[in-house]
Amino acid sequence: MKYSDIFFDLDGTLTDPFEGITRSVQISLEHFGIEVRDRNELKCFIGPPLWESYMKYYSLTKEEAQEAVRRYREYFSVTGLFENEVYDGIKELLSELKNNGLRLSVATSKPAVFSKRILERFGLFEYFDFLSGSELSGERVKKDEVIEYAIKNLGIEDRAGILMIGDRHHDIDGAKKCSVDSVGVLWGYGTKKELCDAGADYIAGDISFLKEIILQ
């Protein structure tokens, strides 16, 4: 097989976090007098670093964005992280990949402490050899930093054997910065155009085709 190390994004790739993330964002924005009635408008927060999205989509200052993240976490850390569901076919895919001897890791901009709890709650943690996420302090939040952290801790020397899988351009951008191949998946929150424009090496419209890419 061409690939031996498979890195998965979490939100929009392994699980659909729409309910928990958008509700947490909605509550945090209320602190600034911003009312969002249709939470579909907050889908843009799924994937990118939170502080970046608050500044980009609601013009918050850096200090305001940090406060928004704090208020987001008040709800998310207790309730929002479990308002989530695993995409159909993911568990079966992970099981088959493990049975084929591949090493699986999660590479996410979400804080590792939250990611671990989500993976454990939904029975996914057992499939992974390593979890690379950000810190609550804001350290290691960019996707290339997350990928590099995984590479270093796993002791990988040949990057040609790594495949990064994600649903947003941030995943593809991070992979390219780290000189690893990438797959953009279409069941998450990024569009095909977004993923193609970012330079994804492969595009997978369903889990069956993703498996073919990984096991080639």
N, C-alpha and C. Protein backbone atom coordinates (compact mmCIF):
# COMPACT_ATOMS: atom_id res chain seq x y z
N MET A 1 0.83 -1.20 0.00
CA MET A 1 0.00 0.00 0.00
C MET A 1 0.87 1.25 0.00
N LYS A 2 0.38 2.28 -0.64
CA LYS A 2 1.13 3.53 -0.75
C LYS A 2 1.24 4.25 0.58
N TYR A 3 0.18 4.20 1.39
CA TYR A 3 0.14 4.95 2.65
C TYR A 3 0.17 4.02 3.86
N SER A 4 0.89 4.47 4.88
CA SER A 4 0.99 3.69 6.12
C SER A 4 0.46 4.45 7.32
N ASP A 5 0.45 5.79 7.24
CA ASP A 5 -0.07 6.63 8.32
C ASP A 5 -1.22 7.47 7.79
N ILE A 6 -2.38 7.32 8.41
CA ILE A 6 -3.57 8.03 7.97
C ILE A 6 -3.99 9.01 9.06
N PHE A 7 -4.02 10.30 8.70
CA PHE A 7 -4.42 11.36 9.63
C PHE A 7 -5.85 11.80 9.29
N PHE A 8 -6.73 11.77 10.28
CA PHE A 8 -8.11 12.20 10.09
C PHE A 8 -8.40 13.49 10.83
N ASP A 9 -9.04 14.42 10.14
CA ASP A 9 -9.66 15.55 10.81
C ASP A 9 -10.83 14.99 11.62
N LEU A 10 -11.33 15.76 12.59
CA LEU A 10 -12.45 15.27 13.41
C LEU A 10 -13.78 15.85 12.94
N ASP A 11 -13.99 17.14 13.15
CA ASP A 11 -15.27 17.77 12.81
C ASP A 11 -15.50 17.79 11.31
N GLY A 12 -16.63 17.25 10.88
CA GLY A 12 -16.97 17.25 9.47
C GLY A 12 -16.32 16.13 8.68
N THR A 13 -15.52 15.30 9.35
CA THR A 13 -14.85 14.18 8.69
C THR A 13 -15.20 12.86 9.37
N LEU A 14 -14.98 12.80 10.66
CA LEU A 14 -15.37 11.62 11.43
C LEU A 14 -16.77 11.77 12.02
N THR A 15 -17.05 12.97 12.51
CA THR A 15 -18.36 13.23 13.14
C THR A 15 -18.98 14.51 12.61
N ASP A 16 -20.30 14.59 12.74
CA ASP A 16 -21.03 15.79 12.36
C ASP A 16 -21.37 16.57 13.64
N PRO A 17 -20.66 17.67 13.91
CA PRO A 17 -20.80 18.41 15.16
C PRO A 17 -21.74 19.60 15.06
N PHE A 18 -22.57 19.65 14.01
CA PHE A 18 -23.37 20.84 13.74
C PHE A 18 -24.12 21.35 14.97
N GLU A 19 -24.88 20.49 15.61
CA GLU A 19 -25.73 20.90 16.71
C GLU A 19 -24.93 21.56 17.83
N GLY A 20 -23.90 20.88 18.28
CA GLY A 20 -23.13 21.38 19.43
C GLY A 20 -22.33 22.63 19.15
N ILE A 21 -21.67 22.68 17.99
CA ILE A 21 -20.84 23.84 17.66
C ILE A 21 -21.69 25.08 17.41
N THR A 22 -22.73 24.94 16.60
CA THR A 22 -23.52 26.13 16.27
C THR A 22 -24.28 26.66 17.47
N ARG A 23 -24.73 25.77 18.34
CA ARG A 23 -25.42 26.22 19.55
C ARG A 23 -24.44 26.96 20.47
N SER A 24 -23.23 26.44 20.58
CA SER A 24 -22.21 27.08 21.42
C SER A 24 -21.84 28.45 20.88
N VAL A 25 -21.70 28.56 19.56
CA VAL A 25 -21.39 29.85 18.94
C VAL A 25 -22.54 30.82 19.14
N GLN A 26 -23.76 30.35 18.94
CA GLN A 26 -24.95 31.19 19.10
C GLN A 26 -25.00 31.80 20.51
N ILE A 27 -24.74 30.98 21.51
CA ILE A 27 -24.76 31.45 22.90
C ILE A 27 -23.64 32.46 23.15
N SER A 28 -22.47 32.20 22.60
CA SER A 28 -21.33 33.10 22.84
C SER A 28 -21.55 34.46 22.19
N LEU A 29 -22.20 34.48 21.04
CA LEU A 29 -22.43 35.75 20.34
C LEU A 29 -23.46 36.62 21.06
N GLU A 30 -24.36 35.98 21.79
CA GLU A 30 -25.37 36.74 22.54
C GLU A 30 -24.72 37.70 23.53
N HIS A 31 -23.54 37.35 24.03
CA HIS A 31 -22.82 38.21 24.97
C HIS A 31 -22.48 39.55 24.33
N PHE A 32 -22.32 39.56 23.01
CA PHE A 32 -21.96 40.78 22.29
C PHE A 32 -23.18 41.44 21.65
N GLY A 33 -24.35 41.00 22.05
CA GLY A 33 -25.58 41.57 21.52
C GLY A 33 -25.91 41.13 20.11
N ILE A 34 -25.31 40.03 19.70
CA ILE A 34 -25.53 39.51 18.34
C ILE A 34 -26.48 38.32 18.42
N GLU A 35 -27.63 38.45 17.79
CA GLU A 35 -28.62 37.37 17.81
C GLU A 35 -28.64 36.66 16.46
N VAL A 36 -28.42 35.36 16.50
CA VAL A 36 -28.45 34.54 15.29
C VAL A 36 -29.60 33.55 15.44
N ARG A 37 -30.65 33.75 14.68
CA ARG A 37 -31.82 32.89 14.80
C ARG A 37 -31.68 31.60 13.99
N ASP A 38 -31.06 31.70 12.82
CA ASP A 38 -30.87 30.53 11.98
C ASP A 38 -29.44 30.02 12.15
N ARG A 39 -29.28 28.92 12.86
CA ARG A 39 -27.94 28.42 13.15
C ARG A 39 -27.22 27.85 11.93
N ASN A 40 -27.93 27.72 10.81
CA ASN A 40 -27.25 27.33 9.57
C ASN A 40 -26.25 28.40 9.15
N GLU A 41 -26.47 29.64 9.59
CA GLU A 41 -25.54 30.72 9.27
C GLU A 41 -24.19 30.53 9.97
N LEU A 42 -24.16 29.63 10.95
CA LEU A 42 -22.95 29.43 11.75
C LEU A 42 -22.15 28.20 11.33
N LYS A 43 -22.55 27.58 10.22
CA LYS A 43 -21.81 26.42 9.72
C LYS A 43 -20.35 26.77 9.42
N CYS A 44 -20.11 28.03 9.10
CA CYS A 44 -18.76 28.47 8.76
C CYS A 44 -17.79 28.31 9.93
N PHE A 45 -18.31 28.11 11.14
CA PHE A 45 -17.46 27.94 12.31
C PHE A 45 -16.95 26.50 12.45
N ILE A 46 -17.49 25.60 11.67
CA ILE A 46 -17.10 24.19 11.78
C ILE A 46 -15.86 23.94 10.94
N GLY A 47 -14.76 23.67 11.60
CA GLY A 47 -13.50 23.40 10.91
C GLY A 47 -12.38 24.35 11.25
N PRO A 48 -12.52 25.65 10.95
CA PRO A 48 -11.43 26.60 11.21
C PRO A 48 -11.23 26.86 12.71
N PRO A 49 -10.08 27.41 13.09
CA PRO A 49 -9.90 27.83 14.49
C PRO A 49 -10.98 28.82 14.88
N LEU A 50 -11.54 28.67 16.07
CA LEU A 50 -12.67 29.49 16.51
C LEU A 50 -12.38 30.99 16.49
N TRP A 51 -11.28 31.39 17.11
CA TRP A 51 -10.98 32.81 17.22
C TRP A 51 -10.90 33.46 15.84
N GLU A 52 -10.38 32.71 14.88
CA GLU A 52 -10.26 33.21 13.52
C GLU A 52 -11.64 33.48 12.92
N SER A 53 -12.58 32.58 13.19
CA SER A 53 -13.93 32.72 12.63
C SER A 53 -14.70 33.88 13.26
N TYR A 54 -14.53 34.07 14.57
CA TYR A 54 -15.20 35.21 15.22
C TYR A 54 -14.73 36.53 14.62
N MET A 55 -13.45 36.62 14.36
CA MET A 55 -12.90 37.86 13.79
C MET A 55 -13.30 38.03 12.33
N LYS A 56 -13.32 36.93 11.58
CA LYS A 56 -13.62 36.99 10.16
C LYS A 56 -15.09 37.25 9.87
N TYR A 57 -15.97 36.53 10.57
CA TYR A 57 -17.39 36.58 10.23
C TYR A 57 -18.20 37.58 11.05
N TYR A 58 -17.70 37.98 12.23
CA TYR A 58 -18.44 38.93 13.06
C TYR A 58 -17.62 40.14 13.48
N SER A 59 -16.45 40.29 12.85
CA SER A 59 -15.60 41.48 13.03
C SER A 59 -15.25 41.76 14.49
N LEU A 60 -15.10 40.72 15.29
CA LEU A 60 -14.68 40.91 16.67
C LEU A 60 -13.19 41.22 16.71
N THR A 61 -12.79 42.00 17.68
CA THR A 61 -11.36 42.26 17.87
C THR A 61 -10.72 40.99 18.42
N LYS A 62 -9.41 40.96 18.47
CA LYS A 62 -8.71 39.80 18.99
C LYS A 62 -9.13 39.52 20.43
N GLU A 63 -9.23 40.59 21.24
CA GLU A 63 -9.61 40.44 22.64
C GLU A 63 -11.06 39.94 22.76
N GLU A 64 -11.94 40.48 21.92
CA GLU A 64 -13.33 40.04 21.92
C GLU A 64 -13.45 38.59 21.47
N ALA A 65 -12.65 38.22 20.49
CA ALA A 65 -12.68 36.84 20.00
C ALA A 65 -12.24 35.88 21.10
N GLN A 66 -11.25 36.27 21.88
CA GLN A 66 -10.79 35.43 22.98
C GLN A 66 -11.89 35.27 24.03
N GLU A 67 -12.63 36.34 24.30
CA GLU A 67 -13.75 36.27 25.24
C GLU A 67 -14.86 35.40 24.67
N ALA A 68 -15.11 35.51 23.37
CA ALA A 68 -16.14 34.70 22.72
C ALA A 68 -15.79 33.21 22.82
N VAL A 69 -14.53 32.88 22.63
CA VAL A 69 -14.09 31.49 22.74
C VAL A 69 -14.31 30.99 24.17
N ARG A 70 -14.00 31.84 25.14
CA ARG A 70 -14.20 31.45 26.54
C ARG A 70 -15.66 31.13 26.81
N ARG A 71 -16.56 31.98 26.33
CA ARG A 71 -17.99 31.76 26.55
C ARG A 71 -18.51 30.57 25.74
N TYR A 72 -17.96 30.38 24.57
CA TYR A 72 -18.28 29.19 23.76
C TYR A 72 -17.99 27.93 24.57
N ARG A 73 -16.82 27.91 25.19
CA ARG A 73 -16.39 26.70 25.91
C ARG A 73 -17.21 26.44 27.16
N GLU A 74 -17.82 27.46 27.73
CA GLU A 74 -18.65 27.26 28.90
C GLU A 74 -19.79 26.29 28.60
N TYR A 75 -20.37 26.45 27.42
CA TYR A 75 -21.46 25.55 27.02
C TYR A 75 -20.91 24.27 26.38
N PHE A 76 -19.93 24.44 25.49
CA PHE A 76 -19.43 23.31 24.72
C PHE A 76 -18.79 22.24 25.61
N SER A 77 -18.03 22.65 26.62
CA SER A 77 -17.29 21.70 27.44
C SER A 77 -18.20 20.82 28.29
N VAL A 78 -19.42 21.25 28.52
CA VAL A 78 -20.36 20.49 29.35
C VAL A 78 -21.38 19.74 28.50
N THR A 79 -21.94 20.43 27.52
CA THR A 79 -23.05 19.87 26.74
C THR A 79 -22.77 19.77 25.24
N GLY A 80 -22.24 20.86 24.68
CA GLY A 80 -22.11 20.94 23.24
C GLY A 80 -21.26 19.87 22.58
N LEU A 81 -20.20 19.43 23.25
CA LEU A 81 -19.31 18.45 22.61
C LEU A 81 -19.99 17.11 22.36
N PHE A 82 -21.05 16.82 23.11
CA PHE A 82 -21.76 15.56 22.91
C PHE A 82 -22.99 15.70 22.03
N GLU A 83 -23.30 16.92 21.60
CA GLU A 83 -24.37 17.14 20.62
C GLU A 83 -23.74 16.93 19.24
N ASN A 84 -23.54 15.69 18.90
CA ASN A 84 -22.65 15.29 17.83
C ASN A 84 -23.07 13.90 17.37
N GLU A 85 -22.69 13.49 16.17
CA GLU A 85 -22.98 12.13 15.75
C GLU A 85 -21.94 11.66 14.74
N VAL A 86 -21.64 10.38 14.77
CA VAL A 86 -20.65 9.78 13.87
C VAL A 86 -21.29 9.57 12.50
N TYR A 87 -20.56 9.93 11.46
CA TYR A 87 -21.07 9.70 10.11
C TYR A 87 -21.21 8.20 9.84
N ASP A 88 -22.25 7.83 9.11
CA ASP A 88 -22.48 6.43 8.76
C ASP A 88 -21.27 5.86 8.03
N GLY A 89 -20.84 4.68 8.46
CA GLY A 89 -19.75 3.98 7.79
C GLY A 89 -18.37 4.27 8.33
N ILE A 90 -18.24 5.26 9.21
CA ILE A 90 -16.91 5.63 9.74
C ILE A 90 -16.32 4.53 10.60
N LYS A 91 -17.10 3.97 11.51
CA LYS A 91 -16.57 2.92 12.39
C LYS A 91 -16.11 1.72 11.58
N GLU A 92 -16.89 1.34 10.59
CA GLU A 92 -16.53 0.21 9.75
C GLU A 92 -15.24 0.49 8.97
N LEU A 93 -15.11 1.72 8.49
CA LEU A 93 -13.90 2.10 7.77
C LEU A 93 -12.68 2.02 8.67
N LEU A 94 -12.77 2.60 9.85
CA LEU A 94 -11.64 2.59 10.77
C LEU A 94 -11.24 1.17 11.15
N SER A 95 -12.22 0.32 11.37
CA SER A 95 -11.95 -1.07 11.73
C SER A 95 -11.21 -1.78 10.61
N GLU A 96 -11.65 -1.57 9.38
CA GLU A 96 -11.01 -2.23 8.24
C GLU A 96 -9.58 -1.72 8.03
N LEU A 97 -9.39 -0.43 8.21
CA LEU A 97 -8.04 0.13 8.05
C LEU A 97 -7.09 -0.43 9.10
N LYS A 98 -7.56 -0.55 10.33
CA LYS A 98 -6.73 -1.13 11.40
C LYS A 98 -6.40 -2.59 11.08
N ASN A 99 -7.39 -3.31 10.57
CA ASN A 99 -7.17 -4.72 10.23
C ASN A 99 -6.16 -4.87 9.09
N ASN A 100 -6.00 -3.83 8.30
CA ASN A 100 -5.02 -3.84 7.22
C ASN A 100 -3.65 -3.36 7.67
N GLY A 101 -3.50 -3.11 8.97
CA GLY A 101 -2.20 -2.77 9.52
C GLY A 101 -1.81 -1.31 9.43
N LEU A 102 -2.76 -0.43 9.12
CA LEU A 102 -2.44 0.99 9.01
C LEU A 102 -2.44 1.64 10.40
N ARG A 103 -1.62 2.67 10.53
CA ARG A 103 -1.58 3.44 11.78
C ARG A 103 -2.46 4.67 11.59
N LEU A 104 -3.43 4.84 12.49
CA LEU A 104 -4.41 5.91 12.36
C LEU A 104 -4.21 6.96 13.45
N SER A 105 -4.34 8.23 13.05
CA SER A 105 -4.22 9.34 13.99
C SER A 105 -5.32 10.36 13.71
N VAL A 106 -5.66 11.13 14.73
CA VAL A 106 -6.57 12.26 14.57
C VAL A 106 -5.72 13.52 14.60
N ALA A 107 -5.93 14.39 13.61
CA ALA A 107 -5.23 15.67 13.55
C ALA A 107 -6.28 16.76 13.44
N THR A 108 -6.55 17.43 14.55
CA THR A 108 -7.65 18.40 14.60
C THR A 108 -7.24 19.69 15.28
N SER A 109 -7.85 20.79 14.85
CA SER A 109 -7.61 22.07 15.50
C SER A 109 -8.41 22.21 16.79
N LYS A 110 -9.34 21.31 17.02
CA LYS A 110 -10.11 21.31 18.26
C LYS A 110 -9.18 20.95 19.42
N PRO A 111 -9.38 21.55 20.60
CA PRO A 111 -8.55 21.18 21.75
C PRO A 111 -8.54 19.66 21.98
N ALA A 112 -7.36 19.12 22.23
CA ALA A 112 -7.20 17.68 22.39
C ALA A 112 -8.06 17.15 23.54
N VAL A 113 -8.21 17.95 24.60
CA VAL A 113 -8.99 17.49 25.75
C VAL A 113 -10.45 17.25 25.37
N PHE A 114 -11.01 18.09 24.52
CA PHE A 114 -12.38 17.90 24.05
C PHE A 114 -12.46 16.76 23.03
N SER A 115 -11.48 16.71 22.15
CA SER A 115 -11.47 15.69 21.10
C SER A 115 -11.45 14.29 21.70
N LYS A 116 -10.63 14.10 22.73
CA LYS A 116 -10.53 12.78 23.37
C LYS A 116 -11.87 12.37 23.97
N ARG A 117 -12.54 13.30 24.61
CA ARG A 117 -13.84 12.99 25.23
C ARG A 117 -14.87 12.62 24.17
N ILE A 118 -14.86 13.32 23.04
CA ILE A 118 -15.79 13.02 21.95
C ILE A 118 -15.51 11.64 21.37
N LEU A 119 -14.25 11.36 21.08
CA LEU A 119 -13.88 10.07 20.51
C LEU A 119 -14.23 8.92 21.45
N GLU A 120 -14.02 9.13 22.72
CA GLU A 120 -14.36 8.10 23.70
C GLU A 120 -15.87 7.89 23.80
N ARG A 121 -16.62 8.98 23.84
CA ARG A 121 -18.07 8.90 23.98
C ARG A 121 -18.70 8.11 22.82
N PHE A 122 -18.17 8.31 21.61
CA PHE A 122 -18.77 7.69 20.44
C PHE A 122 -18.05 6.43 19.97
N GLY A 123 -17.19 5.88 20.83
CA GLY A 123 -16.55 4.60 20.54
C GLY A 123 -15.54 4.61 19.42
N LEU A 124 -14.87 5.73 19.20
CA LEU A 124 -13.88 5.84 18.13
C LEU A 124 -12.44 5.84 18.63
N PHE A 125 -12.25 6.19 19.87
CA PHE A 125 -10.89 6.40 20.39
C PHE A 125 -10.02 5.16 20.25
N GLU A 126 -10.61 3.99 20.38
CA GLU A 126 -9.86 2.73 20.35
C GLU A 126 -9.17 2.48 19.01
N TYR A 127 -9.63 3.12 17.95
CA TYR A 127 -9.06 2.88 16.63
C TYR A 127 -7.79 3.69 16.36
N PHE A 128 -7.52 4.67 17.20
CA PHE A 128 -6.43 5.60 16.91
C PHE A 128 -5.19 5.37 17.77
N ASP A 129 -4.05 5.51 17.09
CA ASP A 129 -2.76 5.36 17.77
C ASP A 129 -2.29 6.67 18.37
N PHE A 130 -2.77 7.79 17.82
CA PHE A 130 -2.32 9.09 18.32
C PHE A 130 -3.38 10.15 18.08
N LEU A 131 -3.49 11.07 19.01
CA LEU A 131 -4.40 12.20 18.88
C LEU A 131 -3.60 13.50 18.95
N SER A 132 -3.64 14.26 17.88
CA SER A 132 -2.96 15.56 17.84
C SER A 132 -4.02 16.64 17.75
N GLY A 133 -4.10 17.48 18.78
CA GLY A 133 -5.06 18.57 18.79
C GLY A 133 -4.42 19.83 19.34
N SER A 134 -5.19 20.87 19.46
CA SER A 134 -4.68 22.12 20.00
C SER A 134 -4.73 22.11 21.52
N GLU A 135 -4.19 23.15 22.12
CA GLU A 135 -4.25 23.32 23.57
C GLU A 135 -5.29 24.40 23.90
N LEU A 136 -5.86 24.35 25.07
CA LEU A 136 -6.85 25.34 25.47
C LEU A 136 -6.26 26.75 25.50
N SER A 137 -4.93 26.82 25.65
CA SER A 137 -4.24 28.10 25.69
C SER A 137 -4.17 28.76 24.32
N GLY A 138 -4.50 28.00 23.26
CA GLY A 138 -4.41 28.54 21.91
C GLY A 138 -3.18 28.06 21.17
N GLU A 139 -2.36 27.29 21.86
CA GLU A 139 -1.16 26.75 21.22
C GLU A 139 -1.54 25.64 20.24
N ARG A 140 -0.80 25.57 19.14
CA ARG A 140 -0.95 24.50 18.14
C ARG A 140 -2.38 24.43 17.60
N VAL A 141 -2.89 25.57 17.12
CA VAL A 141 -4.26 25.61 16.61
C VAL A 141 -4.33 25.51 15.08
N LYS A 142 -3.26 25.89 14.39
CA LYS A 142 -3.26 25.82 12.94
C LYS A 142 -3.04 24.38 12.49
N LYS A 143 -3.66 24.02 11.36
CA LYS A 143 -3.63 22.61 10.95
C LYS A 143 -2.22 22.11 10.64
N ASP A 144 -1.38 22.94 10.05
CA ASP A 144 -0.01 22.48 9.78
C ASP A 144 0.75 22.22 11.08
N GLU A 145 0.46 23.00 12.13
CA GLU A 145 1.11 22.78 13.42
C GLU A 145 0.63 21.46 14.03
N VAL A 146 -0.65 21.17 13.87
CA VAL A 146 -1.22 19.92 14.38
C VAL A 146 -0.61 18.72 13.67
N ILE A 147 -0.47 18.83 12.34
CA ILE A 147 0.10 17.73 11.55
C ILE A 147 1.56 17.52 11.92
N GLU A 148 2.32 18.62 12.02
CA GLU A 148 3.74 18.51 12.37
C GLU A 148 3.92 17.88 13.75
N TYR A 149 3.03 18.22 14.67
CA TYR A 149 3.11 17.65 16.03
C TYR A 149 2.92 16.14 15.97
N ALA A 150 1.98 15.68 15.15
CA ALA A 150 1.75 14.24 15.01
C ALA A 150 2.96 13.56 14.38
N ILE A 151 3.49 14.16 13.33
CA ILE A 151 4.65 13.58 12.64
C ILE A 151 5.82 13.42 13.60
N LYS A 152 6.07 14.46 14.39
CA LYS A 152 7.19 14.43 15.33
C LYS A 152 6.99 13.37 16.40
N ASN A 153 5.80 13.32 16.97
CA ASN A 153 5.55 12.37 18.06
C ASN A 153 5.47 10.93 17.60
N LEU A 154 5.10 10.71 16.35
CA LEU A 154 5.05 9.35 15.82
C LEU A 154 6.40 8.92 15.25
N GLY A 155 7.33 9.85 15.16
CA GLY A 155 8.66 9.52 14.66
C GLY A 155 8.68 9.16 13.19
N ILE A 156 7.81 9.79 12.40
CA ILE A 156 7.72 9.48 10.98
C ILE A 156 8.85 10.19 10.22
N GLU A 157 9.59 9.42 9.44
CA GLU A 157 10.67 9.99 8.66
C GLU A 157 10.32 10.15 7.19
N ASP A 158 9.49 9.26 6.66
CA ASP A 158 9.10 9.30 5.26
C ASP A 158 7.68 9.86 5.13
N ARG A 159 7.56 11.12 4.75
CA ARG A 159 6.26 11.76 4.67
C ARG A 159 5.43 11.28 3.47
N ALA A 160 6.05 10.56 2.57
CA ALA A 160 5.33 10.04 1.41
C ALA A 160 4.29 9.00 1.83
N GLY A 161 4.43 8.48 3.03
CA GLY A 161 3.51 7.45 3.52
C GLY A 161 2.36 8.01 4.33
N ILE A 162 2.25 9.35 4.39
CA ILE A 162 1.19 10.00 5.18
C ILE A 162 0.07 10.48 4.27
N LEU A 163 -1.16 10.29 4.72
CA LEU A 163 -2.32 10.81 4.01
C LEU A 163 -3.21 11.55 5.00
N MET A 164 -3.47 12.84 4.74
CA MET A 164 -4.32 13.67 5.59
C MET A 164 -5.72 13.73 4.98
N ILE A 165 -6.74 13.48 5.80
CA ILE A 165 -8.13 13.45 5.33
C ILE A 165 -8.94 14.50 6.07
N GLY A 166 -9.60 15.38 5.32
CA GLY A 166 -10.41 16.42 5.96
C GLY A 166 -11.45 16.99 5.03
N ASP A 167 -12.32 17.83 5.57
CA ASP A 167 -13.44 18.35 4.78
C ASP A 167 -13.34 19.84 4.44
N ARG A 168 -12.33 20.54 4.94
CA ARG A 168 -12.20 21.97 4.69
C ARG A 168 -10.83 22.28 4.09
N HIS A 169 -10.73 23.46 3.51
CA HIS A 169 -9.46 23.84 2.87
C HIS A 169 -8.32 23.93 3.89
N HIS A 170 -8.66 24.18 5.15
CA HIS A 170 -7.62 24.25 6.18
C HIS A 170 -6.86 22.92 6.28
N ASP A 171 -7.58 21.82 6.11
CA ASP A 171 -6.95 20.50 6.16
C ASP A 171 -5.99 20.31 4.99
N ILE A 172 -6.43 20.75 3.82
CA ILE A 172 -5.61 20.61 2.62
C ILE A 172 -4.42 21.58 2.68
N ASP A 173 -4.67 22.81 3.10
CA ASP A 173 -3.59 23.79 3.24
C ASP A 173 -2.52 23.27 4.20
N GLY A 174 -2.96 22.74 5.33
CA GLY A 174 -2.03 22.23 6.33
C GLY A 174 -1.20 21.08 5.80
N ALA A 175 -1.86 20.18 5.06
CA ALA A 175 -1.15 19.04 4.49
C ALA A 175 -0.08 19.50 3.50
N LYS A 176 -0.43 20.46 2.66
CA LYS A 176 0.52 20.95 1.66
C LYS A 176 1.72 21.61 2.33
N LYS A 177 1.47 22.38 3.40
CA LYS A 177 2.57 23.02 4.12
C LYS A 177 3.53 21.99 4.72
N CYS A 178 2.96 20.82 5.05
CA CYS A 178 3.76 19.77 5.68
C CYS A 178 4.26 18.73 4.67
N SER A 179 4.00 18.98 3.39
CA SER A 179 4.45 18.10 2.31
C SER A 179 3.91 16.68 2.43
N VAL A 180 2.61 16.59 2.73
CA VAL A 180 1.96 15.28 2.77
C VAL A 180 0.74 15.30 1.85
N ASP A 181 0.35 14.14 1.35
CA ASP A 181 -0.80 14.04 0.46
C ASP A 181 -2.10 14.26 1.24
N SER A 182 -3.16 14.63 0.52
CA SER A 182 -4.42 14.93 1.20
C SER A 182 -5.63 14.47 0.40
N VAL A 183 -6.70 14.18 1.14
CA VAL A 183 -8.00 13.85 0.56
C VAL A 183 -9.03 14.84 1.10
N GLY A 184 -9.81 15.44 0.20
CA GLY A 184 -10.92 16.28 0.62
C GLY A 184 -12.19 15.45 0.55
N VAL A 185 -12.93 15.36 1.64
CA VAL A 185 -14.17 14.58 1.66
C VAL A 185 -15.38 15.51 1.54
N LEU A 186 -16.41 15.03 0.86
CA LEU A 186 -17.54 15.89 0.51
C LEU A 186 -18.75 15.73 1.42
N TRP A 187 -18.66 14.91 2.47
CA TRP A 187 -19.82 14.77 3.36
C TRP A 187 -19.76 15.74 4.54
N GLY A 188 -18.72 16.54 4.59
CA GLY A 188 -18.58 17.50 5.68
C GLY A 188 -19.08 18.88 5.31
N TYR A 189 -18.28 19.92 5.61
CA TYR A 189 -18.74 21.29 5.47
C TYR A 189 -17.99 22.12 4.42
N GLY A 190 -17.09 21.50 3.71
CA GLY A 190 -16.41 22.20 2.62
C GLY A 190 -17.00 21.80 1.28
N THR A 191 -16.93 22.67 0.30
CA THR A 191 -17.43 22.36 -1.03
C THR A 191 -16.34 21.71 -1.87
N LYS A 192 -16.75 21.08 -2.96
CA LYS A 192 -15.78 20.47 -3.87
C LYS A 192 -14.85 21.54 -4.43
N LYS A 193 -15.41 22.70 -4.77
CA LYS A 193 -14.60 23.79 -5.30
C LYS A 193 -13.56 24.24 -4.28
N GLU A 194 -13.99 24.40 -3.03
CA GLU A 194 -13.06 24.81 -1.97
C GLU A 194 -11.90 23.85 -1.86
N LEU A 195 -12.19 22.57 -1.88
CA LEU A 195 -11.17 21.54 -1.70
C LEU A 195 -10.26 21.43 -2.93
N CYS A 196 -10.85 21.56 -4.11
CA CYS A 196 -10.05 21.53 -5.34
C CYS A 196 -9.15 22.75 -5.45
N ASP A 197 -9.71 23.91 -5.13
CA ASP A 197 -8.92 25.15 -5.18
C ASP A 197 -7.74 25.10 -4.21
N ALA A 198 -7.92 24.41 -3.09
CA ALA A 198 -6.85 24.29 -2.10
C ALA A 198 -5.76 23.33 -2.57
N GLY A 199 -6.09 22.50 -3.57
CA GLY A 199 -5.08 21.59 -4.11
C GLY A 199 -5.11 20.19 -3.54
N ALA A 200 -6.29 19.70 -3.13
CA ALA A 200 -6.38 18.34 -2.60
C ALA A 200 -5.89 17.34 -3.65
N ASP A 201 -5.14 16.34 -3.22
CA ASP A 201 -4.64 15.33 -4.15
C ASP A 201 -5.77 14.41 -4.61
N TYR A 202 -6.75 14.22 -3.74
CA TYR A 202 -7.91 13.38 -4.08
C TYR A 202 -9.17 14.04 -3.52
N ILE A 203 -10.30 13.72 -4.16
CA ILE A 203 -11.61 14.12 -3.65
C ILE A 203 -12.44 12.86 -3.48
N ALA A 204 -13.02 12.67 -2.30
CA ALA A 204 -13.85 11.49 -2.03
C ALA A 204 -15.28 11.92 -1.73
N GLY A 205 -16.20 11.44 -2.55
CA GLY A 205 -17.61 11.77 -2.35
C GLY A 205 -18.31 10.86 -1.38
N ASP A 206 -17.72 9.70 -1.13
CA ASP A 206 -18.31 8.77 -0.17
C ASP A 206 -17.22 7.94 0.49
N ILE A 207 -17.58 7.22 1.53
CA ILE A 207 -16.60 6.46 2.30
C ILE A 207 -16.04 5.30 1.51
N SER A 208 -16.84 4.72 0.64
CA SER A 208 -16.36 3.61 -0.18
C SER A 208 -15.17 4.02 -1.05
N PHE A 209 -15.29 5.20 -1.67
CA PHE A 209 -14.20 5.68 -2.52
C PHE A 209 -13.00 6.11 -1.68
N LEU A 210 -13.27 6.67 -0.50
CA LEU A 210 -12.17 7.04 0.40
C LEU A 210 -11.34 5.81 0.75
N LYS A 211 -12.02 4.71 1.02
CA LYS A 211 -11.31 3.46 1.36
C LYS A 211 -10.42 3.02 0.20
N GLU A 212 -10.91 3.15 -1.03
CA GLU A 212 -10.11 2.78 -2.20
C GLU A 212 -8.84 3.63 -2.29
N ILE A 213 -9.00 4.91 -2.00
CA ILE A 213 -7.84 5.82 -2.05
C ILE A 213 -6.80 5.41 -1.01
N ILE A 214 -7.26 5.15 0.20
CA ILE A 214 -6.35 4.83 1.29
C ILE A 214 -5.62 3.51 1.05
N LEU A 215 -6.33 2.53 0.52
CA LEU A 215 -5.77 1.18 0.40
C LEU A 215 -5.11 0.91 -0.95
N GLN A 216 -4.94 1.95 -1.77
CA GLN A 216 -4.33 1.74 -3.09
C GLN A 216 -2.90 1.21 -2.99
